[in-house]
Amino acid sequence: MHQNEEKKNKDPEGCKLIIGSYFAHIRNLLDEIAEYESLVDHKPEDTLILQVSNIRVSQIGDILVKARIAKKITARYN
C-alpha cells in the first residue's frame, strides 16, 4: 500500500492515466458482457439484426460467432 502511495505522489498524472485505462477496459468488458447476454437471450426464430458498418475481413469471424450464439447453433462433434 505504501509503494502505491509513493508512486501516486511521484507521478500523479501517470497514475490517473493508468486508472483511466483500467476503467476503459472495465467499460469495454461490461459492454461485451451485455452484448453476449443480449445474444444469448435472442429467440432463434426471430430475425437477428447486428449493427455493423464498414466491415473488415478480420471482423467476419466475430460476426459469425455472434450469429451462431444468437441462433443457438453449436459446433457439436460426434
C-alpha atoms as a PDB file:
ATOM      1  CA  MET A   1       0.000   0.000   0.000  1.00  0.00           C
ATOM      2  CA  HIS A   2       2.832   2.370   0.881  1.00  0.00           C
ATOM      3  CA  GLN A   3       4.529   1.783  -2.501  1.00  0.00           C
ATOM      4  CA  ASN A   4       1.330   2.682  -4.336  1.00  0.00           C
ATOM      5  CA  GLU A   5       1.094   5.955  -2.450  1.00  0.00           C
ATOM      6  CA  GLU A   6       4.725   6.740  -3.294  1.00  0.00           C
ATOM      7  CA  LYS A   7       4.128   6.071  -6.992  1.00  0.00           C
ATOM      8  CA  LYS A   8       0.970   8.157  -6.874  1.00  0.00           C
ATOM      9  CA  ASN A   9       2.834  11.089  -5.314  1.00  0.00           C
ATOM     10  CA  LYS A  10       5.783  10.833  -7.730  1.00  0.00           C
ATOM     11  CA  ASP A  11       3.697  10.611 -10.901  1.00  0.00           C
ATOM     12  CA  PRO A  12       0.069  11.628 -10.289  1.00  0.00           C
ATOM     13  CA  GLU A  13      -0.669  12.139 -14.000  1.00  0.00           C
ATOM     14  CA  GLY A  14       0.747   8.716 -14.863  1.00  0.00           C
ATOM     15  CA  CYS A  15      -1.419   7.136 -12.165  1.00  0.00           C
ATOM     16  CA  LYS A  16      -4.501   8.915 -13.494  1.00  0.00           C
ATOM     17  CA  LEU A  17      -3.750   7.598 -16.991  1.00  0.00           C
ATOM     18  CA  ILE A  18      -3.323   4.036 -15.718  1.00  0.00           C
ATOM     19  CA  ILE A  19      -6.521   4.193 -13.671  1.00  0.00           C
ATOM     20  CA  GLY A  20      -8.379   5.688 -16.628  1.00  0.00           C
ATOM     21  CA  SER A  21      -7.096   2.844 -18.786  1.00  0.00           C
ATOM     22  CA  TYR A  22      -8.321   0.278 -16.256  1.00  0.00           C
ATOM     23  CA  PHE A  23     -11.776   1.861 -16.195  1.00  0.00           C
ATOM     24  CA  ALA A  24     -11.884   1.908 -20.009  1.00  0.00           C
ATOM     25  CA  HIS A  25     -11.122  -1.827 -20.027  1.00  0.00           C
ATOM     26  CA  ILE A  26     -13.826  -2.439 -17.438  1.00  0.00           C
ATOM     27  CA  ARG A  27     -16.370  -0.477 -19.518  1.00  0.00           C
ATOM     28  CA  ASN A  28     -15.416  -2.469 -22.632  1.00  0.00           C
ATOM     29  CA  LEU A  29     -15.793  -5.753 -20.771  1.00  0.00           C
ATOM     30  CA  LEU A  30     -19.178  -4.715 -19.389  1.00  0.00           C
ATOM     31  CA  ASP A  31     -20.296  -3.753 -22.915  1.00  0.00           C
ATOM     32  CA  GLU A  32     -19.144  -7.131 -24.240  1.00  0.00           C
ATOM     33  CA  ILE A  33     -20.960  -8.953 -21.428  1.00  0.00           C
ATOM     34  CA  ALA A  34     -24.157  -7.009 -22.152  1.00  0.00           C
ATOM     35  CA  GLU A  35     -23.856  -7.825 -25.871  1.00  0.00           C
ATOM     36  CA  TYR A  36     -23.282 -11.511 -25.105  1.00  0.00           C
ATOM     37  CA  GLU A  37     -26.283 -11.645 -22.758  1.00  0.00           C
ATOM     38  CA  SER A  38     -28.397  -9.989 -25.450  1.00  0.00           C
ATOM     39  CA  LEU A  39     -27.288 -12.596 -27.994  1.00  0.00           C
ATOM     40  CA  VAL A  40     -27.952 -15.469 -25.576  1.00  0.00           C
ATOM     41  CA  ASP A  41     -31.428 -14.107 -24.809  1.00  0.00           C
ATOM     42  CA  HIS A  42     -32.265 -13.781 -28.523  1.00  0.00           C
ATOM     43  CA  LYS A  43     -35.020 -16.115 -29.739  1.00  0.00           C
ATOM     44  CA  PRO A  44     -33.664 -18.161 -32.682  1.00  0.00           C
ATOM     45  CA  GLU A  45     -36.927 -17.861 -34.596  1.00  0.00           C
ATOM     46  CA  ASP A  46     -36.734 -14.043 -34.548  1.00  0.00           C
ATOM     47  CA  THR A  47     -34.812 -12.044 -37.114  1.00  0.00           C
ATOM     48  CA  LEU A  48     -31.320 -11.161 -35.969  1.00  0.00           C
ATOM     49  CA  ILE A  49     -30.057  -7.673 -36.783  1.00  0.00           C
ATOM     50  CA  LEU A  50     -26.421  -6.937 -35.999  1.00  0.00           C
ATOM     51  CA  GLN A  51     -25.278  -3.331 -36.205  1.00  0.00           C
ATOM     52  CA  VAL A  52     -22.121  -3.217 -38.296  1.00  0.00           C
ATOM     53  CA  SER A  53     -20.640  -0.692 -40.665  1.00  0.00           C
ATOM     54  CA  ASN A  54     -17.511  -0.687 -42.798  1.00  0.00           C
ATOM     55  CA  ILE A  55     -16.888  -4.375 -42.184  1.00  0.00           C
ATOM     56  CA  ARG A  56     -13.300  -5.513 -42.478  1.00  0.00           C
ATOM     57  CA  VAL A  57     -12.439  -9.069 -43.437  1.00  0.00           C
ATOM     58  CA  SER A  58     -10.929  -9.569 -39.980  1.00  0.00           C
ATOM     59  CA  GLN A  59     -14.370  -8.917 -38.413  1.00  0.00           C
ATOM     60  CA  ILE A  60     -16.263 -11.614 -40.305  1.00  0.00           C
ATOM     61  CA  GLY A  61     -15.353 -14.304 -37.769  1.00  0.00           C
ATOM     62  CA  ASP A  62     -16.711 -12.216 -34.873  1.00  0.00           C
ATOM     63  CA  ILE A  63     -19.943 -11.567 -36.757  1.00  0.00           C
ATOM     64  CA  LEU A  64     -20.396 -15.278 -37.470  1.00  0.00           C
ATOM     65  CA  VAL A  65     -19.770 -16.158 -33.824  1.00  0.00           C
ATOM     66  CA  LYS A  66     -22.394 -13.624 -32.710  1.00  0.00           C
ATOM     67  CA  ALA A  67     -24.915 -15.010 -35.195  1.00  0.00           C
ATOM     68  CA  ARG A  68     -24.225 -18.566 -34.022  1.00  0.00           C
ATOM     69  CA  ILE A  69     -24.701 -17.564 -30.375  1.00  0.00           C
ATOM     70  CA  ALA A  70     -27.977 -15.774 -31.128  1.00  0.00           C
ATOM     71  CA  LYS A  71     -29.304 -18.621 -33.286  1.00  0.00           C
ATOM     72  CA  LYS A  72     -28.213 -21.226 -30.706  1.00  0.00           C
ATOM     73  CA  ILE A  73     -26.013 -23.016 -33.241  1.00  0.00           C
ATOM     74  CA  THR A  74     -23.221 -25.023 -31.646  1.00  0.00           C
ATOM     75  CA  ALA A  75     -20.306 -26.957 -33.049  1.00  0.00           C
ATOM     76  CA  ARG A  76     -21.028 -30.425 -31.694  1.00  0.00           C
ATOM     77  CA  TYR A  77     -18.793 -33.226 -32.763  1.00  0.00           C
ATOM     78  CA  ASN A  78     -19.897 -36.845 -32.570  1.00  0.00           C
END
